[in-house]
Amino acid sequence: MAESPPVAASFDDPRITAQFCRRVAGPGSSSDCLLLGVVHDHPASIARVETVLEAVNPETVALELPTAALPLYRAYARDGSDDAPPRFGGEMSAAIRAAPDASVLGIDAPNWSFVRRLVTRLVADRVSPATARRVLSGLGGATREALTCRVAATLTHATSMTIACDDSIEYDCEHDDPPERQAAHERSHVASVQALLGSVDREGSALSYRDETRERCMIDRLEELRASEDGVVVAVVGVDHLEVLADALEA
């Protein structure tokens, strides 16, 4: 496979670095996949998504969102002024706004592929009833959230109100701060979160089953898109998923 060309070197922006951007060359005639790692609602992540998508002008944008949530985030992308990020939806609605001509897809659970793969793995691993209940409870919660987004989108389209499903995360960092401050704050936040997660044993837990299955489904979907699309496929995903997805696509 051809060596993936660097992404960060193309931008003079401290928020666009190898830590958050990975380009995976497609095998044969397959499209390249550009992975952008994000921290939800962080100003540096929003700016990174906007800058890269406007420069790349991709054919397809794949978002770490369930398909049912897309209509609401499309509505968020249309809300507000052009000189500021969307009020709601963080980096996901910013991605939709920054690539108006792209085909936008949701690649996250819940969906039938995820449910089928998850149940198959639970049965094959003969997990304890307690773990199975926690996994299925989490699945039920994610399904309710996706349906809530669908209802909120319907209400947003039918009324003059913009319905927000959750509160935006606030950081000690603003959208109008210098790029260097945004980048430093984001790196510090990611390091703190990764250190905390690294101290917790998640092996065999309900959370590990959910996240590993989500990642496998996202990988499968991105491979399908690379094989079927002509131009670059850009995926916007949580930074914690970035390395796993990139390594699997490169394999």
C-alpha atoms as a PDB file:
ATOM      1  CA  MET A   1       0.000   0.000   0.000  1.00  0.00           C
ATOM      2  CA  ALA A   2       1.256   3.504  -0.787  1.00  0.00           C
ATOM      3  CA  GLU A   3       2.521   5.560   2.113  1.00  0.00           C
ATOM      4  CA  SER A   4      -0.140   7.924   3.441  1.00  0.00           C
ATOM      5  CA  PRO A   5       0.769  11.532   2.642  1.00  0.00           C
ATOM      6  CA  PRO A   6       0.985  13.807   5.685  1.00  0.00           C
ATOM      7  CA  VAL A   7      -1.971  16.053   6.405  1.00  0.00           C
ATOM      8  CA  ALA A   8      -0.717  18.450   9.064  1.00  0.00           C
ATOM      9  CA  ALA A   9       2.234  19.569   6.922  1.00  0.00           C
ATOM     10  CA  SER A  10      -0.227  21.119   4.465  1.00  0.00           C
ATOM     11  CA  PHE A  11      -1.559  23.570   7.070  1.00  0.00           C
ATOM     12  CA  ASP A  12       0.166  26.298   9.028  1.00  0.00           C
ATOM     13  CA  ASP A  13      -2.156  25.857  12.001  1.00  0.00           C
ATOM     14  CA  PRO A  14      -1.190  24.491  15.459  1.00  0.00           C
ATOM     15  CA  ARG A  15      -4.636  22.882  15.775  1.00  0.00           C
ATOM     16  CA  ILE A  16      -3.985  20.650  12.747  1.00  0.00           C
ATOM     17  CA  THR A  17      -1.345  18.129  13.804  1.00  0.00           C
ATOM     18  CA  ALA A  18      -0.594  14.442  13.352  1.00  0.00           C
ATOM     19  CA  GLN A  19      -2.189  13.770  16.742  1.00  0.00           C
ATOM     20  CA  PHE A  20      -5.589  14.702  15.324  1.00  0.00           C
ATOM     21  CA  CYS A  21      -5.259  14.053  11.585  1.00  0.00           C
ATOM     22  CA  ARG A  22      -4.499  10.804   9.753  1.00  0.00           C
ATOM     23  CA  ARG A  23      -4.702  10.215   6.008  1.00  0.00           C
ATOM     24  CA  VAL A  24      -5.002   6.591   4.904  1.00  0.00           C
ATOM     25  CA  ALA A  25      -4.329   5.867   1.249  1.00  0.00           C
ATOM     26  CA  GLY A  26      -6.905   3.598  -0.352  1.00  0.00           C
ATOM     27  CA  PRO A  27      -5.702   0.291  -1.820  1.00  0.00           C
ATOM     28  CA  GLY A  28      -5.816   0.070  -5.617  1.00  0.00           C
ATOM     29  CA  SER A  29      -8.518   2.335  -7.005  1.00  0.00           C
ATOM     30  CA  SER A  30     -10.135   2.950  -3.609  1.00  0.00           C
ATOM     31  CA  SER A  31     -10.494   6.488  -2.317  1.00  0.00           C
ATOM     32  CA  ASP A  32      -8.242   7.931   0.360  1.00  0.00           C
ATOM     33  CA  CYS A  33      -9.733   8.360   3.823  1.00  0.00           C
ATOM     34  CA  LEU A  34      -8.883  11.415   5.891  1.00  0.00           C
ATOM     35  CA  LEU A  35      -9.597  10.924   9.590  1.00  0.00           C
ATOM     36  CA  LEU A  36     -10.075  13.975  11.806  1.00  0.00           C
ATOM     37  CA  GLY A  37     -10.035  13.354  15.549  1.00  0.00           C
ATOM     38  CA  VAL A  38     -12.096  15.734  17.651  1.00  0.00           C
ATOM     39  CA  VAL A  39     -12.905  16.617  21.248  1.00  0.00           C
ATOM     40  CA  HIS A  40     -16.636  17.238  21.477  1.00  0.00           C
ATOM     41  CA  ASP A  41     -17.500  20.956  21.401  1.00  0.00           C
ATOM     42  CA  HIS A  42     -13.873  22.073  21.814  1.00  0.00           C
ATOM     43  CA  PRO A  43     -13.055  25.305  19.914  1.00  0.00           C
ATOM     44  CA  ALA A  44      -9.826  23.805  18.508  1.00  0.00           C
ATOM     45  CA  SER A  45     -11.675  20.769  17.171  1.00  0.00           C
ATOM     46  CA  ILE A  46     -14.380  22.899  15.574  1.00  0.00           C
ATOM     47  CA  ALA A  47     -11.772  25.129  13.919  1.00  0.00           C
ATOM     48  CA  ARG A  48      -9.796  22.083  12.729  1.00  0.00           C
ATOM     49  CA  VAL A  49     -12.847  20.521  11.105  1.00  0.00           C
ATOM     50  CA  GLU A  50     -13.859  23.775   9.434  1.00  0.00           C
ATOM     51  CA  THR A  51     -10.358  24.540   8.116  1.00  0.00           C
ATOM     52  CA  VAL A  52      -9.611  21.078   6.752  1.00  0.00           C
ATOM     53  CA  LEU A  53     -13.010  20.484   5.153  1.00  0.00           C
ATOM     54  CA  GLU A  54     -13.022  23.868   3.446  1.00  0.00           C
ATOM     55  CA  ALA A  55      -9.565  23.135   2.028  1.00  0.00           C
ATOM     56  CA  VAL A  56     -10.173  19.509   1.019  1.00  0.00           C
ATOM     57  CA  ASN A  57     -13.712  19.941  -0.371  1.00  0.00           C
ATOM     58  CA  PRO A  58     -14.465  16.197  -0.013  1.00  0.00           C
ATOM     59  CA  GLU A  59     -17.030  14.157  -1.902  1.00  0.00           C
ATOM     60  CA  THR A  60     -18.176  12.437   1.288  1.00  0.00           C
ATOM     61  CA  VAL A  61     -18.166  13.370   4.973  1.00  0.00           C
ATOM     62  CA  ALA A  62     -18.707  10.554   7.468  1.00  0.00           C
ATOM     63  CA  LEU A  63     -19.665  11.656  10.976  1.00  0.00           C
ATOM     64  CA  GLU A  64     -19.585   9.788  14.272  1.00  0.00           C
ATOM     65  CA  LEU A  65     -23.337  10.193  14.569  1.00  0.00           C
ATOM     66  CA  PRO A  66     -26.231   7.770  14.211  1.00  0.00           C
ATOM     67  CA  THR A  67     -28.161   8.199  10.972  1.00  0.00           C
ATOM     68  CA  ALA A  68     -31.271   9.188  12.934  1.00  0.00           C
ATOM     69  CA  ALA A  69     -29.454  12.221  14.369  1.00  0.00           C
ATOM     70  CA  LEU A  70     -28.334  13.690  11.026  1.00  0.00           C
ATOM     71  CA  PRO A  71     -31.481  15.772  10.307  1.00  0.00           C
ATOM     72  CA  LEU A  72     -31.083  17.604  13.620  1.00  0.00           C
ATOM     73  CA  TYR A  73     -27.405  18.366  12.993  1.00  0.00           C
ATOM     74  CA  ARG A  74     -28.239  19.578   9.493  1.00  0.00           C
ATOM     75  CA  ALA A  75     -30.680  22.008  11.111  1.00  0.00           C
ATOM     76  CA  TYR A  76     -27.983  23.121  13.554  1.00  0.00           C
ATOM     77  CA  ALA A  77     -25.616  23.726  10.629  1.00  0.00           C
ATOM     78  CA  ARG A  78     -28.108  26.113   9.032  1.00  0.00           C
ATOM     79  CA  ASP A  79     -28.636  28.057  12.252  1.00  0.00           C
ATOM     80  CA  GLY A  80     -26.607  31.164  13.092  1.00  0.00           C
ATOM     81  CA  SER A  81     -24.270  33.442  11.157  1.00  0.00           C
ATOM     82  CA  ASP A  82     -21.548  32.531   8.676  1.00  0.00           C
ATOM     83  CA  ASP A  83     -18.788  34.238  10.672  1.00  0.00           C
ATOM     84  CA  ALA A  84     -19.240  32.073  13.787  1.00  0.00           C
ATOM     85  CA  PRO A  85     -19.599  28.319  14.435  1.00  0.00           C
ATOM     86  CA  PRO A  86     -23.133  26.911  14.719  1.00  0.00           C
ATOM     87  CA  ARG A  87     -24.661  27.480  18.146  1.00  0.00           C
ATOM     88  CA  PHE A  88     -25.388  23.788  18.646  1.00  0.00           C
ATOM     89  CA  GLY A  89     -23.897  20.509  17.510  1.00  0.00           C
ATOM     90  CA  GLY A  90     -20.246  21.418  17.947  1.00  0.00           C
ATOM     91  CA  GLU A  91     -17.800  19.990  15.432  1.00  0.00           C
ATOM     92  CA  MET A  92     -20.439  17.787  13.781  1.00  0.00           C
ATOM     93  CA  SER A  93     -22.719  20.622  12.674  1.00  0.00           C
ATOM     94  CA  ALA A  94     -19.612  22.662  11.812  1.00  0.00           C
ATOM     95  CA  ALA A  95     -18.511  19.838   9.499  1.00  0.00           C
ATOM     96  CA  ILE A  96     -21.858  19.830   7.713  1.00  0.00           C
ATOM     97  CA  ARG A  97     -21.705  23.595   7.215  1.00  0.00           C
ATOM     98  CA  ALA A  98     -18.074  23.510   6.033  1.00  0.00           C
ATOM     99  CA  ALA A  99     -18.800  20.943   3.295  1.00  0.00           C
ATOM    100  CA  PRO A 100     -22.137  22.045   1.807  1.00  0.00           C
ATOM    101  CA  ASP A 101     -21.704  20.067  -1.429  1.00  0.00           C
ATOM    102  CA  ALA A 102     -20.576  16.818   0.183  1.00  0.00           C
ATOM    103  CA  SER A 103     -22.642  13.734   0.824  1.00  0.00           C
ATOM    104  CA  VAL A 104     -22.962  13.540   4.629  1.00  0.00           C
ATOM    105  CA  LEU A 105     -23.427  10.179   6.333  1.00  0.00           C
ATOM    106  CA  GLY A 106     -23.764   8.978   9.906  1.00  0.00           C
ATOM    107  CA  ILE A 107     -21.549   5.968  10.675  1.00  0.00           C
ATOM    108  CA  ASP A 108     -22.121   5.521  14.407  1.00  0.00           C
ATOM    109  CA  ALA A 109     -24.431   3.218  16.332  1.00  0.00           C
ATOM    110  CA  PRO A 110     -27.179   2.421  16.959  1.00  0.00           C
ATOM    111  CA  ASN A 111     -27.963   0.654  13.696  1.00  0.00           C
ATOM    112  CA  TRP A 112     -28.818  -2.896  12.683  1.00  0.00           C
ATOM    113  CA  SER A 113     -25.228  -3.789  11.845  1.00  0.00           C
ATOM    114  CA  PHE A 114     -24.133  -2.730  15.320  1.00  0.00           C
ATOM    115  CA  VAL A 115     -26.927  -4.623  17.071  1.00  0.00           C
ATOM    116  CA  ARG A 116     -26.293  -7.794  15.092  1.00  0.00           C
ATOM    117  CA  ARG A 117     -22.538  -7.708  15.678  1.00  0.00           C
ATOM    118  CA  LEU A 118     -22.949  -6.853  19.371  1.00  0.00           C
ATOM    119  CA  VAL A 119     -25.406  -9.654  20.109  1.00  0.00           C
ATOM    120  CA  THR A 120     -23.282 -12.147  18.163  1.00  0.00           C
ATOM    121  CA  ARG A 121     -20.221 -11.237  20.206  1.00  0.00           C
ATOM    122  CA  LEU A 122     -22.051 -11.391  23.541  1.00  0.00           C
ATOM    123  CA  VAL A 123     -23.312 -14.878  22.738  1.00  0.00           C
ATOM    124  CA  ALA A 124     -19.941 -16.094  21.422  1.00  0.00           C
ATOM    125  CA  ASP A 125     -18.111 -14.812  24.507  1.00  0.00           C
ATOM    126  CA  ARG A 126     -20.737 -16.235  26.872  1.00  0.00           C
ATOM    127  CA  VAL A 127     -20.720 -13.057  28.929  1.00  0.00           C
ATOM    128  CA  SER A 128     -22.316 -12.976  32.339  1.00  0.00           C
ATOM    129  CA  PRO A 129     -25.986 -11.966  32.590  1.00  0.00           C
ATOM    130  CA  ALA A 130     -24.954  -8.848  34.519  1.00  0.00           C
ATOM    131  CA  THR A 131     -22.606  -7.680  31.744  1.00  0.00           C
ATOM    132  CA  ALA A 132     -25.195  -8.475  29.063  1.00  0.00           C
ATOM    133  CA  ARG A 133     -27.815  -6.423  30.918  1.00  0.00           C
ATOM    134  CA  ARG A 134     -25.454  -3.432  31.175  1.00  0.00           C
ATOM    135  CA  VAL A 135     -24.587  -3.655  27.477  1.00  0.00           C
ATOM    136  CA  LEU A 136     -28.228  -3.864  26.416  1.00  0.00           C
ATOM    137  CA  SER A 137     -29.183  -1.076  28.809  1.00  0.00           C
ATOM    138  CA  GLY A 138     -26.578   1.148  27.185  1.00  0.00           C
ATOM    139  CA  LEU A 139     -27.906   0.196  23.769  1.00  0.00           C
ATOM    140  CA  GLY A 140     -31.404   1.163  24.851  1.00  0.00           C
ATOM    141  CA  GLY A 141     -30.164   4.530  26.083  1.00  0.00           C
ATOM    142  CA  ALA A 142     -28.332   5.230  22.818  1.00  0.00           C
ATOM    143  CA  THR A 143     -31.441   4.297  20.831  1.00  0.00           C
ATOM    144  CA  ARG A 144     -33.583   6.667  22.884  1.00  0.00           C
ATOM    145  CA  GLU A 145     -31.066   9.466  22.326  1.00  0.00           C
ATOM    146  CA  ALA A 146     -31.101   8.894  18.561  1.00  0.00           C
ATOM    147  CA  LEU A 147     -34.897   8.923  18.478  1.00  0.00           C
ATOM    148  CA  THR A 148     -34.926  12.085  20.583  1.00  0.00           C
ATOM    149  CA  CYS A 149     -32.698  13.731  17.976  1.00  0.00           C
ATOM    150  CA  ARG A 150     -35.111  12.659  15.245  1.00  0.00           C
ATOM    151  CA  VAL A 151     -38.086  14.169  17.099  1.00  0.00           C
ATOM    152  CA  ALA A 152     -36.131  17.352  17.839  1.00  0.00           C
ATOM    153  CA  ALA A 153     -35.289  17.697  14.148  1.00  0.00           C
ATOM    154  CA  THR A 154     -38.951  17.370  13.233  1.00  0.00           C
ATOM    155  CA  LEU A 155     -39.916  20.071  15.739  1.00  0.00           C
ATOM    156  CA  THR A 156     -37.097  22.331  14.558  1.00  0.00           C
ATOM    157  CA  HIS A 157     -38.279  22.054  10.948  1.00  0.00           C
ATOM    158  CA  ALA A 158     -41.941  22.558  11.909  1.00  0.00           C
ATOM    159  CA  THR A 159     -41.451  25.578  14.171  1.00  0.00           C
ATOM    160  CA  SER A 160     -39.309  28.692  14.401  1.00  0.00           C
ATOM    161  CA  MET A 161     -37.417  27.240  17.366  1.00  0.00           C
ATOM    162  CA  THR A 162     -34.113  25.380  17.345  1.00  0.00           C
ATOM    163  CA  ILE A 163     -34.426  22.404  19.692  1.00  0.00           C
ATOM    164  CA  ALA A 164     -31.213  21.511  21.543  1.00  0.00           C
ATOM    165  CA  CYS A 165     -30.986  17.898  22.740  1.00  0.00           C
ATOM    166  CA  ASP A 166     -28.113  18.497  25.138  1.00  0.00           C
ATOM    167  CA  ASP A 167     -26.066  21.314  26.611  1.00  0.00           C
ATOM    168  CA  SER A 168     -22.836  22.342  24.949  1.00  0.00           C
ATOM    169  CA  ILE A 169     -19.659  21.540  26.867  1.00  0.00           C
ATOM    170  CA  GLU A 170     -17.875  24.626  28.131  1.00  0.00           C
ATOM    171  CA  TYR A 171     -14.073  24.801  28.283  1.00  0.00           C
ATOM    172  CA  ASP A 172     -11.653  27.329  29.673  1.00  0.00           C
ATOM    173  CA  CYS A 173     -11.056  28.304  26.073  1.00  0.00           C
ATOM    174  CA  GLU A 174     -13.087  30.355  23.599  1.00  0.00           C
ATOM    175  CA  HIS A 175     -13.667  30.330  19.844  1.00  0.00           C
ATOM    176  CA  ASP A 176     -12.001  33.715  19.466  1.00  0.00           C
ATOM    177  CA  ASP A 177      -8.870  32.752  21.420  1.00  0.00           C
ATOM    178  CA  PRO A 178      -5.622  32.529  19.413  1.00  0.00           C
ATOM    179  CA  PRO A 179      -5.081  29.176  17.658  1.00  0.00           C
ATOM    180  CA  GLU A 180      -2.017  28.501  19.825  1.00  0.00           C
ATOM    181  CA  ARG A 181      -4.051  28.772  23.040  1.00  0.00           C
ATOM    182  CA  GLN A 182      -6.832  26.613  21.637  1.00  0.00           C
ATOM    183  CA  ALA A 183      -4.363  23.944  20.537  1.00  0.00           C
ATOM    184  CA  ALA A 184      -2.507  23.889  23.862  1.00  0.00           C
ATOM    185  CA  HIS A 185      -5.737  23.649  25.846  1.00  0.00           C
ATOM    186  CA  GLU A 186      -7.053  20.814  23.680  1.00  0.00           C
ATOM    187  CA  ARG A 187      -3.819  18.806  23.965  1.00  0.00           C
ATOM    188  CA  SER A 188      -3.842  19.220  27.739  1.00  0.00           C
ATOM    189  CA  HIS A 189      -7.478  18.127  27.944  1.00  0.00           C
ATOM    190  CA  VAL A 190      -6.863  15.026  25.812  1.00  0.00           C
ATOM    191  CA  ALA A 191      -3.809  14.058  27.881  1.00  0.00           C
ATOM    192  CA  SER A 192      -5.801  14.357  31.114  1.00  0.00           C
ATOM    193  CA  VAL A 193      -8.683  12.255  29.816  1.00  0.00           C
ATOM    194  CA  GLN A 194      -6.390   9.571  28.386  1.00  0.00           C
ATOM    195  CA  ALA A 195      -4.481   9.352  31.661  1.00  0.00           C
ATOM    196  CA  LEU A 196      -7.745   8.867  33.538  1.00  0.00           C
ATOM    197  CA  LEU A 197      -9.007   6.206  31.132  1.00  0.00           C
ATOM    198  CA  GLY A 198      -5.656   4.445  31.208  1.00  0.00           C
ATOM    199  CA  SER A 199      -5.982   3.931  34.965  1.00  0.00           C
ATOM    200  CA  VAL A 200      -9.264   2.043  34.592  1.00  0.00           C
ATOM    201  CA  ASP A 201      -9.387  -1.642  33.642  1.00  0.00           C
ATOM    202  CA  ARG A 202     -12.092  -1.887  30.973  1.00  0.00           C
ATOM    203  CA  GLU A 203     -11.249  -5.366  29.684  1.00  0.00           C
ATOM    204  CA  GLY A 204     -14.435  -7.394  29.296  1.00  0.00           C
ATOM    205  CA  SER A 205     -16.619  -4.560  30.579  1.00  0.00           C
ATOM    206  CA  ALA A 206     -19.914  -3.448  29.077  1.00  0.00           C
ATOM    207  CA  LEU A 207     -18.198  -0.248  27.911  1.00  0.00           C
ATOM    208  CA  SER A 208     -15.439  -2.144  26.095  1.00  0.00           C
ATOM    209  CA  TYR A 209     -17.973  -4.355  24.309  1.00  0.00           C
ATOM    210  CA  ARG A 210     -19.923  -1.293  23.180  1.00  0.00           C
ATOM    211  CA  ASP A 211     -16.958   0.798  22.041  1.00  0.00           C
ATOM    212  CA  GLU A 212     -15.076  -2.025  20.316  1.00  0.00           C
ATOM    213  CA  THR A 213     -18.213  -3.019  18.413  1.00  0.00           C
ATOM    214  CA  ARG A 214     -18.893   0.601  17.470  1.00  0.00           C
ATOM    215  CA  GLU A 215     -15.360   0.946  16.146  1.00  0.00           C
ATOM    216  CA  ARG A 216     -15.587  -2.254  14.109  1.00  0.00           C
ATOM    217  CA  CYS A 217     -18.849  -1.069  12.527  1.00  0.00           C
ATOM    218  CA  MET A 218     -17.358   2.336  11.716  1.00  0.00           C
ATOM    219  CA  ILE A 219     -14.324   0.667  10.143  1.00  0.00           C
ATOM    220  CA  ASP A 220     -16.550  -1.531   7.979  1.00  0.00           C
ATOM    221  CA  ARG A 221     -18.594   1.468   6.850  1.00  0.00           C
ATOM    222  CA  LEU A 222     -15.517   3.515   5.992  1.00  0.00           C
ATOM    223  CA  GLU A 223     -14.085   0.621   3.989  1.00  0.00           C
ATOM    224  CA  GLU A 224     -17.346   0.436   2.048  1.00  0.00           C
ATOM    225  CA  LEU A 225     -17.235   4.170   1.355  1.00  0.00           C
ATOM    226  CA  ARG A 226     -13.608   4.044   0.206  1.00  0.00           C
ATOM    227  CA  ALA A 227     -14.471   1.297  -2.261  1.00  0.00           C
ATOM    228  CA  SER A 228     -17.549   3.044  -3.666  1.00  0.00           C
ATOM    229  CA  GLU A 229     -16.605   6.749  -3.705  1.00  0.00           C
ATOM    230  CA  ASP A 230     -14.425   8.538  -6.270  1.00  0.00           C
ATOM    231  CA  GLY A 231     -13.101  11.405  -4.157  1.00  0.00           C
ATOM    232  CA  VAL A 232     -11.639  11.768  -0.686  1.00  0.00           C
ATOM    233  CA  VAL A 233     -13.716  10.470   2.222  1.00  0.00           C
ATOM    234  CA  VAL A 234     -13.354  12.581   5.372  1.00  0.00           C
ATOM    235  CA  ALA A 235     -14.402  11.031   8.686  1.00  0.00           C
ATOM    236  CA  VAL A 236     -14.932  13.149  11.804  1.00  0.00           C
ATOM    237  CA  VAL A 237     -14.619  10.944  14.889  1.00  0.00           C
ATOM    238  CA  GLY A 238     -13.749  11.217  18.552  1.00  0.00           C
ATOM    239  CA  VAL A 239      -9.989  11.430  19.028  1.00  0.00           C
ATOM    240  CA  ASP A 240     -10.042   8.283  21.178  1.00  0.00           C
ATOM    241  CA  HIS A 241     -11.200   6.296  18.126  1.00  0.00           C
ATOM    242  CA  LEU A 242      -8.710   7.852  15.703  1.00  0.00           C
ATOM    243  CA  GLU A 243      -5.754   5.509  16.098  1.00  0.00           C
ATOM    244  CA  VAL A 244      -7.866   2.335  16.098  1.00  0.00           C
ATOM    245  CA  LEU A 245      -9.696   3.345  12.919  1.00  0.00           C
ATOM    246  CA  ALA A 246      -6.554   4.491  11.129  1.00  0.00           C
ATOM    247  CA  ASP A 247      -4.581   1.355  11.980  1.00  0.00           C
ATOM    248  CA  ALA A 248      -7.444  -0.901  10.832  1.00  0.00           C
ATOM    249  CA  LEU A 249      -7.881   0.977   7.545  1.00  0.00           C
ATOM    250  CA  GLU A 250      -4.151   0.845   6.884  1.00  0.00           C
ATOM    251  CA  ALA A 251      -3.920  -2.909   7.569  1.00  0.00           C
END
